[in-house]
Amino acid sequence: MTSTPVDTDTEQPGPLGAPGSDAHDASEEEAAVAEELGPEEHEDAEHPWEPHPAKVLSVLLYSDDVDTRARVRLAVGRRPAADLPEVRWTECATAQAVIDAVDRGGLDLLILDGEAVPAGGMGLCKQLKDEIYQCPPVLVLTGRPQDAWLATWSRADFAVPHPLDPVAVAEAVAGLARTHVR
Protein backbone atom coordinates (compact mmCIF):
# COMPACT_ATOMS: atom_id res chain seq x y z
CA MET A 1 0.00 0.00 0.00
CA THR A 2 1.42 3.35 -0.99
CA SER A 3 0.46 6.26 1.18
CA THR A 4 0.18 9.79 -0.06
CA PRO A 5 1.05 12.61 2.31
CA VAL A 6 -1.88 14.86 3.20
CA ASP A 7 -1.38 18.51 4.11
CA THR A 8 -3.45 18.84 7.28
CA ASP A 9 -2.49 22.49 7.88
CA THR A 10 -4.91 23.83 5.27
CA GLU A 11 -8.53 22.88 5.91
CA GLN A 12 -10.29 22.85 2.57
CA PRO A 13 -13.44 21.03 1.59
CA GLY A 14 -12.61 18.03 -0.48
CA PRO A 15 -13.56 14.51 -1.38
CA LEU A 16 -14.54 11.98 1.23
CA GLY A 17 -11.55 11.34 3.51
CA ALA A 18 -9.81 14.61 2.60
CA PRO A 19 -9.06 17.38 5.10
CA GLY A 20 -12.23 19.28 5.94
CA SER A 21 -14.61 16.34 5.48
CA ASP A 22 -16.29 14.37 8.25
CA ALA A 23 -14.63 11.17 7.05
CA HIS A 24 -11.22 12.79 7.57
CA ASP A 25 -11.96 13.17 11.30
CA ALA A 26 -12.91 9.48 11.47
CA SER A 27 -9.68 8.57 9.70
CA GLU A 28 -7.67 10.48 12.29
CA GLU A 29 -9.48 8.61 15.07
CA GLU A 30 -8.82 5.25 13.37
CA ALA A 31 -5.14 6.12 12.98
CA ALA A 32 -4.91 7.04 16.67
CA VAL A 33 -6.52 3.72 17.66
CA ALA A 34 -4.17 1.82 15.32
CA GLU A 35 -1.17 3.57 16.84
CA GLU A 36 -2.29 2.53 20.34
CA LEU A 37 -2.93 -1.10 19.38
CA GLY A 38 0.17 -1.51 17.23
CA PRO A 39 0.58 -2.90 13.71
CA GLU A 40 -0.06 -6.53 14.66
CA GLU A 41 -3.68 -5.74 15.50
CA HIS A 42 -4.51 -4.29 12.07
CA GLU A 43 -3.99 -5.89 8.68
CA ASP A 44 -6.82 -4.27 6.76
CA ALA A 45 -5.35 -2.49 3.72
CA GLU A 46 -8.34 -0.13 3.57
CA HIS A 47 -7.22 1.82 6.63
CA PRO A 48 -5.24 5.05 6.14
CA TRP A 49 -2.33 3.99 8.35
CA GLU A 50 0.53 1.81 7.22
CA PRO A 51 0.59 -1.31 9.45
CA HIS A 52 4.00 -2.46 8.23
CA PRO A 53 7.27 -0.79 7.30
CA ALA A 54 7.22 0.95 3.95
CA LYS A 55 10.13 -1.23 2.82
CA VAL A 56 9.32 -4.19 0.64
CA LEU A 57 10.89 -7.62 0.95
CA SER A 58 12.79 -8.05 -2.31
CA VAL A 59 12.93 -11.77 -3.17
CA LEU A 60 14.65 -13.36 -6.16
CA LEU A 61 13.03 -16.62 -7.27
CA TYR A 62 15.01 -18.91 -9.58
CA SER A 63 13.61 -21.95 -11.33
CA ASP A 64 13.50 -23.01 -14.96
CA ASP A 65 10.02 -24.42 -14.25
CA VAL A 66 7.27 -21.81 -14.40
CA ASP A 67 4.98 -24.06 -12.33
CA THR A 68 7.54 -24.27 -9.51
CA ARG A 69 7.85 -20.48 -9.50
CA ALA A 70 4.05 -20.17 -9.36
CA ARG A 71 3.82 -22.64 -6.43
CA VAL A 72 6.44 -20.70 -4.46
CA ARG A 73 4.75 -17.35 -5.11
CA LEU A 74 1.41 -18.83 -4.09
CA ALA A 75 2.88 -20.34 -0.91
CA VAL A 76 4.51 -17.07 0.17
CA GLY A 77 1.64 -14.86 -0.92
CA ARG A 78 1.81 -11.10 -0.82
CA ARG A 79 3.46 -11.21 2.59
CA PRO A 80 5.13 -14.29 4.18
CA ALA A 81 3.96 -13.31 7.67
CA ALA A 82 1.88 -10.55 9.24
CA ASP A 83 4.92 -8.86 10.78
CA LEU A 84 6.84 -8.65 7.49
CA PRO A 85 6.49 -6.28 4.54
CA GLU A 86 5.01 -7.21 1.20
CA VAL A 87 7.14 -9.18 -1.24
CA ARG A 88 8.45 -7.78 -4.50
CA TRP A 89 9.41 -10.71 -6.74
CA THR A 90 12.27 -10.91 -9.21
CA GLU A 91 11.87 -14.09 -11.22
CA CYS A 92 14.72 -15.71 -13.12
CA ALA A 93 14.72 -18.77 -15.37
CA THR A 94 18.48 -18.88 -16.06
CA ALA A 95 21.55 -18.94 -13.87
CA GLN A 96 23.05 -15.94 -15.68
CA ALA A 97 19.94 -13.88 -14.94
CA VAL A 98 20.35 -14.75 -11.24
CA ILE A 99 24.01 -13.74 -11.21
CA ASP A 100 23.21 -10.45 -12.97
CA ALA A 101 20.36 -9.67 -10.55
CA VAL A 102 22.47 -10.44 -7.46
CA ASP A 103 25.33 -8.33 -8.87
CA ARG A 104 22.93 -5.38 -9.23
CA GLY A 105 22.07 -5.69 -5.53
CA GLY A 106 18.95 -4.63 -3.69
CA LEU A 107 17.78 -8.20 -2.97
CA ASP A 108 16.84 -9.31 0.54
CA LEU A 109 16.42 -13.03 -0.05
CA LEU A 110 17.10 -15.63 -2.75
CA ILE A 111 15.01 -18.74 -3.42
CA LEU A 112 16.86 -21.17 -5.69
CA ASP A 113 15.41 -24.36 -7.15
CA GLY A 114 17.90 -27.18 -6.65
CA GLU A 115 16.15 -29.11 -9.45
CA ALA A 116 16.54 -26.37 -12.08
CA VAL A 117 18.14 -27.39 -15.37
CA PRO A 118 20.83 -26.98 -16.67
CA ALA A 119 22.22 -25.10 -13.64
CA GLY A 120 20.83 -26.33 -10.33
CA GLY A 121 20.12 -24.02 -7.45
CA MET A 122 22.58 -25.70 -5.08
CA GLY A 123 25.58 -25.22 -7.34
CA LEU A 124 24.43 -21.66 -8.02
CA CYS A 125 24.05 -21.06 -4.28
CA LYS A 126 27.62 -22.27 -3.66
CA GLN A 127 28.92 -19.99 -6.41
CA LEU A 128 27.02 -16.95 -5.10
CA LYS A 129 28.07 -17.54 -1.48
CA ASP A 130 31.71 -17.90 -2.59
CA GLU A 131 31.78 -14.92 -4.96
CA ILE A 132 29.33 -12.29 -3.65
CA TYR A 133 30.34 -10.23 -0.65
CA GLN A 134 27.44 -10.25 1.85
CA CYS A 135 25.32 -12.51 -0.35
CA PRO A 136 21.64 -12.37 0.66
CA PRO A 137 20.30 -15.37 2.57
CA VAL A 138 19.38 -18.32 0.36
CA LEU A 139 16.50 -20.79 0.57
CA VAL A 140 17.20 -23.84 -1.61
CA LEU A 141 14.41 -26.07 -2.86
CA THR A 142 15.87 -29.60 -2.78
CA GLY A 143 14.73 -32.60 -4.79
CA ARG A 144 14.02 -34.69 -1.69
CA PRO A 145 14.57 -34.50 2.09
CA GLN A 146 17.71 -36.65 1.82
CA ASP A 147 19.39 -33.87 -0.17
CA ALA A 148 19.64 -31.62 2.88
CA TRP A 149 23.36 -32.43 3.14
CA LEU A 150 23.86 -31.00 -0.35
CA ALA A 151 22.10 -27.81 0.72
CA THR A 152 24.55 -27.61 3.62
CA TRP A 153 27.47 -28.08 1.22
CA SER A 154 26.10 -25.29 -0.97
CA ARG A 155 26.05 -22.97 2.10
CA ALA A 156 22.30 -22.44 1.79
CA ASP A 157 20.73 -20.80 4.82
CA PHE A 158 17.70 -23.08 4.69
CA ALA A 159 16.28 -25.88 2.54
CA VAL A 160 12.76 -27.09 1.76
CA PRO A 161 12.27 -30.35 -0.17
CA HIS A 162 10.04 -31.03 -3.18
CA PRO A 163 7.12 -31.64 -3.26
CA LEU A 164 6.77 -28.16 -1.83
CA ASP A 165 4.72 -27.80 1.33
CA PRO A 166 3.26 -24.26 1.13
CA VAL A 167 3.39 -23.78 4.90
CA ALA A 168 7.04 -24.88 5.08
CA VAL A 169 7.98 -22.53 2.23
CA ALA A 170 6.21 -19.53 3.82
CA GLU A 171 7.73 -20.29 7.24
CA ALA A 172 11.22 -20.63 5.75
CA VAL A 173 10.92 -17.31 3.91
CA ALA A 174 9.54 -15.58 7.02
CA GLY A 175 12.26 -17.05 9.24
CA LEU A 176 15.06 -16.02 6.89
CA ALA A 177 13.58 -12.55 6.48
CA ARG A 178 13.31 -12.06 10.24
CA THR A 179 16.82 -13.23 11.06
CA HIS A 180 18.83 -12.00 8.08
CA VAL A 181 17.10 -8.99 6.54
CA ARG A 182 17.81 -5.59 8.08
C-alpha atoms as a PDB file:
ATOM      1  CA  MET A   1       0.000   0.000   0.000  1.00  0.00           C
ATOM      2  CA  THR A   2       1.420   3.345  -0.993  1.00  0.00           C
ATOM      3  CA  SER A   3       0.460   6.258   1.184  1.00  0.00           C
ATOM      4  CA  THR A   4       0.177   9.792  -0.060  1.00  0.00           C
ATOM      5  CA  PRO A   5       1.053  12.613   2.309  1.00  0.00           C
ATOM      6  CA  VAL A   6      -1.876  14.860   3.203  1.00  0.00           C
ATOM      7  CA  ASP A   7      -1.377  18.508   4.111  1.00  0.00           C
ATOM      8  CA  THR A   8      -3.447  18.844   7.283  1.00  0.00           C
ATOM      9  CA  ASP A   9      -2.494  22.489   7.882  1.00  0.00           C
ATOM     10  CA  THR A  10      -4.910  23.825   5.271  1.00  0.00           C
ATOM     11  CA  GLU A  11      -8.525  22.879   5.906  1.00  0.00           C
ATOM     12  CA  GLN A  12     -10.293  22.851   2.566  1.00  0.00           C
ATOM     13  CA  PRO A  13     -13.439  21.030   1.585  1.00  0.00           C
ATOM     14  CA  GLY A  14     -12.609  18.030  -0.485  1.00  0.00           C
ATOM     15  CA  PRO A  15     -13.564  14.509  -1.382  1.00  0.00           C
ATOM     16  CA  LEU A  16     -14.540  11.979   1.233  1.00  0.00           C
ATOM     17  CA  GLY A  17     -11.553  11.340   3.506  1.00  0.00           C
ATOM     18  CA  ALA A  18      -9.807  14.608   2.598  1.00  0.00           C
ATOM     19  CA  PRO A  19      -9.065  17.381   5.099  1.00  0.00           C
ATOM     20  CA  GLY A  20     -12.234  19.282   5.944  1.00  0.00           C
ATOM     21  CA  SER A  21     -14.613  16.345   5.480  1.00  0.00           C
ATOM     22  CA  ASP A  22     -16.292  14.367   8.255  1.00  0.00           C
ATOM     23  CA  ALA A  23     -14.628  11.174   7.049  1.00  0.00           C
ATOM     24  CA  HIS A  24     -11.221  12.793   7.574  1.00  0.00           C
ATOM     25  CA  ASP A  25     -11.961  13.172  11.297  1.00  0.00           C
ATOM     26  CA  ALA A  26     -12.911   9.480  11.475  1.00  0.00           C
ATOM     27  CA  SER A  27      -9.679   8.568   9.700  1.00  0.00           C
ATOM     28  CA  GLU A  28      -7.668  10.476  12.286  1.00  0.00           C
ATOM     29  CA  GLU A  29      -9.480   8.607  15.070  1.00  0.00           C
ATOM     30  CA  GLU A  30      -8.824   5.249  13.375  1.00  0.00           C
ATOM     31  CA  ALA A  31      -5.137   6.117  12.975  1.00  0.00           C
ATOM     32  CA  ALA A  32      -4.910   7.035  16.675  1.00  0.00           C
ATOM     33  CA  VAL A  33      -6.517   3.717  17.657  1.00  0.00           C
ATOM     34  CA  ALA A  34      -4.171   1.823  15.323  1.00  0.00           C
ATOM     35  CA  GLU A  35      -1.175   3.571  16.844  1.00  0.00           C
ATOM     36  CA  GLU A  36      -2.292   2.532  20.339  1.00  0.00           C
ATOM     37  CA  LEU A  37      -2.928  -1.098  19.383  1.00  0.00           C
ATOM     38  CA  GLY A  38       0.171  -1.505  17.228  1.00  0.00           C
ATOM     39  CA  PRO A  39       0.580  -2.899  13.712  1.00  0.00           C
ATOM     40  CA  GLU A  40      -0.062  -6.530  14.659  1.00  0.00           C
ATOM     41  CA  GLU A  41      -3.678  -5.739  15.499  1.00  0.00           C
ATOM     42  CA  HIS A  42      -4.509  -4.293  12.066  1.00  0.00           C
ATOM     43  CA  GLU A  43      -3.993  -5.895   8.681  1.00  0.00           C
ATOM     44  CA  ASP A  44      -6.823  -4.275   6.755  1.00  0.00           C
ATOM     45  CA  ALA A  45      -5.351  -2.490   3.721  1.00  0.00           C
ATOM     46  CA  GLU A  46      -8.345  -0.127   3.569  1.00  0.00           C
ATOM     47  CA  HIS A  47      -7.219   1.825   6.628  1.00  0.00           C
ATOM     48  CA  PRO A  48      -5.238   5.045   6.139  1.00  0.00           C
ATOM     49  CA  TRP A  49      -2.332   3.990   8.349  1.00  0.00           C
ATOM     50  CA  GLU A  50       0.527   1.815   7.216  1.00  0.00           C
ATOM     51  CA  PRO A  51       0.586  -1.305   9.448  1.00  0.00           C
ATOM     52  CA  HIS A  52       4.005  -2.456   8.228  1.00  0.00           C
ATOM     53  CA  PRO A  53       7.268  -0.789   7.297  1.00  0.00           C
ATOM     54  CA  ALA A  54       7.222   0.954   3.948  1.00  0.00           C
ATOM     55  CA  LYS A  55      10.133  -1.227   2.819  1.00  0.00           C
ATOM     56  CA  VAL A  56       9.318  -4.194   0.644  1.00  0.00           C
ATOM     57  CA  LEU A  57      10.892  -7.618   0.952  1.00  0.00           C
ATOM     58  CA  SER A  58      12.786  -8.047  -2.312  1.00  0.00           C
ATOM     59  CA  VAL A  59      12.931 -11.771  -3.168  1.00  0.00           C
ATOM     60  CA  LEU A  60      14.646 -13.362  -6.159  1.00  0.00           C
ATOM     61  CA  LEU A  61      13.027 -16.621  -7.274  1.00  0.00           C
ATOM     62  CA  TYR A  62      15.014 -18.910  -9.576  1.00  0.00           C
ATOM     63  CA  SER A  63      13.610 -21.954 -11.334  1.00  0.00           C
ATOM     64  CA  ASP A  64      13.496 -23.014 -14.957  1.00  0.00           C
ATOM     65  CA  ASP A  65      10.016 -24.425 -14.250  1.00  0.00           C
ATOM     66  CA  VAL A  66       7.266 -21.810 -14.405  1.00  0.00           C
ATOM     67  CA  ASP A  67       4.985 -24.064 -12.329  1.00  0.00           C
ATOM     68  CA  THR A  68       7.537 -24.272  -9.512  1.00  0.00           C
ATOM     69  CA  ARG A  69       7.847 -20.485  -9.499  1.00  0.00           C
ATOM     70  CA  ALA A  70       4.052 -20.168  -9.360  1.00  0.00           C
ATOM     71  CA  ARG A  71       3.818 -22.637  -6.432  1.00  0.00           C
ATOM     72  CA  VAL A  72       6.443 -20.702  -4.462  1.00  0.00           C
ATOM     73  CA  ARG A  73       4.748 -17.348  -5.111  1.00  0.00           C
ATOM     74  CA  LEU A  74       1.406 -18.827  -4.094  1.00  0.00           C
ATOM     75  CA  ALA A  75       2.884 -20.337  -0.907  1.00  0.00           C
ATOM     76  CA  VAL A  76       4.508 -17.075   0.167  1.00  0.00           C
ATOM     77  CA  GLY A  77       1.635 -14.865  -0.925  1.00  0.00           C
ATOM     78  CA  ARG A  78       1.814 -11.098  -0.819  1.00  0.00           C
ATOM     79  CA  ARG A  79       3.464 -11.211   2.591  1.00  0.00           C
ATOM     80  CA  PRO A  80       5.131 -14.293   4.185  1.00  0.00           C
ATOM     81  CA  ALA A  81       3.958 -13.307   7.674  1.00  0.00           C
ATOM     82  CA  ALA A  82       1.881 -10.546   9.236  1.00  0.00           C
ATOM     83  CA  ASP A  83       4.922  -8.861  10.781  1.00  0.00           C
ATOM     84  CA  LEU A  84       6.835  -8.653   7.491  1.00  0.00           C
ATOM     85  CA  PRO A  85       6.492  -6.283   4.544  1.00  0.00           C
ATOM     86  CA  GLU A  86       5.008  -7.213   1.200  1.00  0.00           C
ATOM     87  CA  VAL A  87       7.139  -9.182  -1.241  1.00  0.00           C
ATOM     88  CA  ARG A  88       8.451  -7.782  -4.503  1.00  0.00           C
ATOM     89  CA  TRP A  89       9.406 -10.713  -6.744  1.00  0.00           C
ATOM     90  CA  THR A  90      12.271 -10.911  -9.214  1.00  0.00           C
ATOM     91  CA  GLU A  91      11.872 -14.093 -11.223  1.00  0.00           C
ATOM     92  CA  CYS A  92      14.719 -15.713 -13.121  1.00  0.00           C
ATOM     93  CA  ALA A  93      14.722 -18.772 -15.367  1.00  0.00           C
ATOM     94  CA  THR A  94      18.476 -18.881 -16.064  1.00  0.00           C
ATOM     95  CA  ALA A  95      21.554 -18.940 -13.867  1.00  0.00           C
ATOM     96  CA  GLN A  96      23.049 -15.944 -15.676  1.00  0.00           C
ATOM     97  CA  ALA A  97      19.938 -13.876 -14.938  1.00  0.00           C
ATOM     98  CA  VAL A  98      20.348 -14.753 -11.235  1.00  0.00           C
ATOM     99  CA  ILE A  99      24.009 -13.735 -11.209  1.00  0.00           C
ATOM    100  CA  ASP A 100      23.210 -10.451 -12.975  1.00  0.00           C
ATOM    101  CA  ALA A 101      20.357  -9.665 -10.546  1.00  0.00           C
ATOM    102  CA  VAL A 102      22.471 -10.442  -7.464  1.00  0.00           C
ATOM    103  CA  ASP A 103      25.332  -8.328  -8.869  1.00  0.00           C
ATOM    104  CA  ARG A 104      22.933  -5.376  -9.235  1.00  0.00           C
ATOM    105  CA  GLY A 105      22.070  -5.687  -5.532  1.00  0.00           C
ATOM    106  CA  GLY A 106      18.946  -4.634  -3.689  1.00  0.00           C
ATOM    107  CA  LEU A 107      17.781  -8.200  -2.967  1.00  0.00           C
ATOM    108  CA  ASP A 108      16.836  -9.305   0.540  1.00  0.00           C
ATOM    109  CA  LEU A 109      16.425 -13.032  -0.047  1.00  0.00           C
ATOM    110  CA  LEU A 110      17.100 -15.630  -2.747  1.00  0.00           C
ATOM    111  CA  ILE A 111      15.014 -18.743  -3.419  1.00  0.00           C
ATOM    112  CA  LEU A 112      16.859 -21.167  -5.694  1.00  0.00           C
ATOM    113  CA  ASP A 113      15.406 -24.362  -7.145  1.00  0.00           C
ATOM    114  CA  GLY A 114      17.896 -27.182  -6.655  1.00  0.00           C
ATOM    115  CA  GLU A 115      16.152 -29.110  -9.446  1.00  0.00           C
ATOM    116  CA  ALA A 116      16.540 -26.371 -12.077  1.00  0.00           C
ATOM    117  CA  VAL A 117      18.143 -27.391 -15.371  1.00  0.00           C
ATOM    118  CA  PRO A 118      20.835 -26.984 -16.672  1.00  0.00           C
ATOM    119  CA  ALA A 119      22.220 -25.103 -13.642  1.00  0.00           C
ATOM    120  CA  GLY A 120      20.825 -26.331 -10.333  1.00  0.00           C
ATOM    121  CA  GLY A 121      20.116 -24.016  -7.446  1.00  0.00           C
ATOM    122  CA  MET A 122      22.578 -25.698  -5.081  1.00  0.00           C
ATOM    123  CA  GLY A 123      25.581 -25.215  -7.342  1.00  0.00           C
ATOM    124  CA  LEU A 124      24.434 -21.663  -8.021  1.00  0.00           C
ATOM    125  CA  CYS A 125      24.049 -21.064  -4.283  1.00  0.00           C
ATOM    126  CA  LYS A 126      27.616 -22.270  -3.661  1.00  0.00           C
ATOM    127  CA  GLN A 127      28.923 -19.993  -6.407  1.00  0.00           C
ATOM    128  CA  LEU A 128      27.021 -16.953  -5.098  1.00  0.00           C
ATOM    129  CA  LYS A 129      28.073 -17.537  -1.482  1.00  0.00           C
ATOM    130  CA  ASP A 130      31.714 -17.901  -2.594  1.00  0.00           C
ATOM    131  CA  GLU A 131      31.777 -14.918  -4.957  1.00  0.00           C
ATOM    132  CA  ILE A 132      29.334 -12.294  -3.647  1.00  0.00           C
ATOM    133  CA  TYR A 133      30.336 -10.226  -0.645  1.00  0.00           C
ATOM    134  CA  GLN A 134      27.436 -10.246   1.845  1.00  0.00           C
ATOM    135  CA  CYS A 135      25.319 -12.509  -0.346  1.00  0.00           C
ATOM    136  CA  PRO A 136      21.644 -12.367   0.656  1.00  0.00           C
ATOM    137  CA  PRO A 137      20.296 -15.373   2.575  1.00  0.00           C
ATOM    138  CA  VAL A 138      19.376 -18.323   0.357  1.00  0.00           C
ATOM    139  CA  LEU A 139      16.503 -20.786   0.568  1.00  0.00           C
ATOM    140  CA  VAL A 140      17.195 -23.839  -1.607  1.00  0.00           C
ATOM    141  CA  LEU A 141      14.415 -26.071  -2.856  1.00  0.00           C
ATOM    142  CA  THR A 142      15.867 -29.603  -2.783  1.00  0.00           C
ATOM    143  CA  GLY A 143      14.725 -32.599  -4.786  1.00  0.00           C
ATOM    144  CA  ARG A 144      14.024 -34.691  -1.685  1.00  0.00           C
ATOM    145  CA  PRO A 145      14.566 -34.499   2.086  1.00  0.00           C
ATOM    146  CA  GLN A 146      17.710 -36.655   1.821  1.00  0.00           C
ATOM    147  CA  ASP A 147      19.386 -33.867  -0.174  1.00  0.00           C
ATOM    148  CA  ALA A 148      19.641 -31.616   2.881  1.00  0.00           C
ATOM    149  CA  TRP A 149      23.359 -32.427   3.135  1.00  0.00           C
ATOM    150  CA  LEU A 150      23.860 -31.002  -0.355  1.00  0.00           C
ATOM    151  CA  ALA A 151      22.102 -27.814   0.721  1.00  0.00           C
ATOM    152  CA  THR A 152      24.552 -27.612   3.625  1.00  0.00           C
ATOM    153  CA  TRP A 153      27.471 -28.081   1.220  1.00  0.00           C
ATOM    154  CA  SER A 154      26.099 -25.286  -0.970  1.00  0.00           C
ATOM    155  CA  ARG A 155      26.049 -22.975   2.095  1.00  0.00           C
ATOM    156  CA  ALA A 156      22.301 -22.438   1.786  1.00  0.00           C
ATOM    157  CA  ASP A 157      20.733 -20.805   4.817  1.00  0.00           C
ATOM    158  CA  PHE A 158      17.698 -23.084   4.693  1.00  0.00           C
ATOM    159  CA  ALA A 159      16.282 -25.884   2.542  1.00  0.00           C
ATOM    160  CA  VAL A 160      12.763 -27.086   1.764  1.00  0.00           C
ATOM    161  CA  PRO A 161      12.272 -30.350  -0.172  1.00  0.00           C
ATOM    162  CA  HIS A 162      10.044 -31.032  -3.176  1.00  0.00           C
ATOM    163  CA  PRO A 163       7.119 -31.637  -3.262  1.00  0.00           C
ATOM    164  CA  LEU A 164       6.769 -28.162  -1.830  1.00  0.00           C
ATOM    165  CA  ASP A 165       4.718 -27.798   1.333  1.00  0.00           C
ATOM    166  CA  PRO A 166       3.260 -24.260   1.129  1.00  0.00           C
ATOM    167  CA  VAL A 167       3.389 -23.784   4.902  1.00  0.00           C
ATOM    168  CA  ALA A 168       7.041 -24.877   5.076  1.00  0.00           C
ATOM    169  CA  VAL A 169       7.983 -22.525   2.226  1.00  0.00           C
ATOM    170  CA  ALA A 170       6.214 -19.528   3.817  1.00  0.00           C
ATOM    171  CA  GLU A 171       7.727 -20.292   7.245  1.00  0.00           C
ATOM    172  CA  ALA A 172      11.218 -20.629   5.754  1.00  0.00           C
ATOM    173  CA  VAL A 173      10.924 -17.313   3.913  1.00  0.00           C
ATOM    174  CA  ALA A 174       9.539 -15.582   7.019  1.00  0.00           C
ATOM    175  CA  GLY A 175      12.262 -17.050   9.240  1.00  0.00           C
ATOM    176  CA  LEU A 176      15.056 -16.019   6.892  1.00  0.00           C
ATOM    177  CA  ALA A 177      13.580 -12.554   6.480  1.00  0.00           C
ATOM    178  CA  ARG A 178      13.311 -12.063  10.239  1.00  0.00           C
ATOM    179  CA  THR A 179      16.825 -13.229  11.057  1.00  0.00           C
ATOM    180  CA  HIS A 180      18.829 -11.997   8.081  1.00  0.00           C
ATOM    181  CA  VAL A 181      17.096  -8.987   6.544  1.00  0.00           C
ATOM    182  CA  ARG A 182      17.812  -5.587   8.084  1.00  0.00           C
END
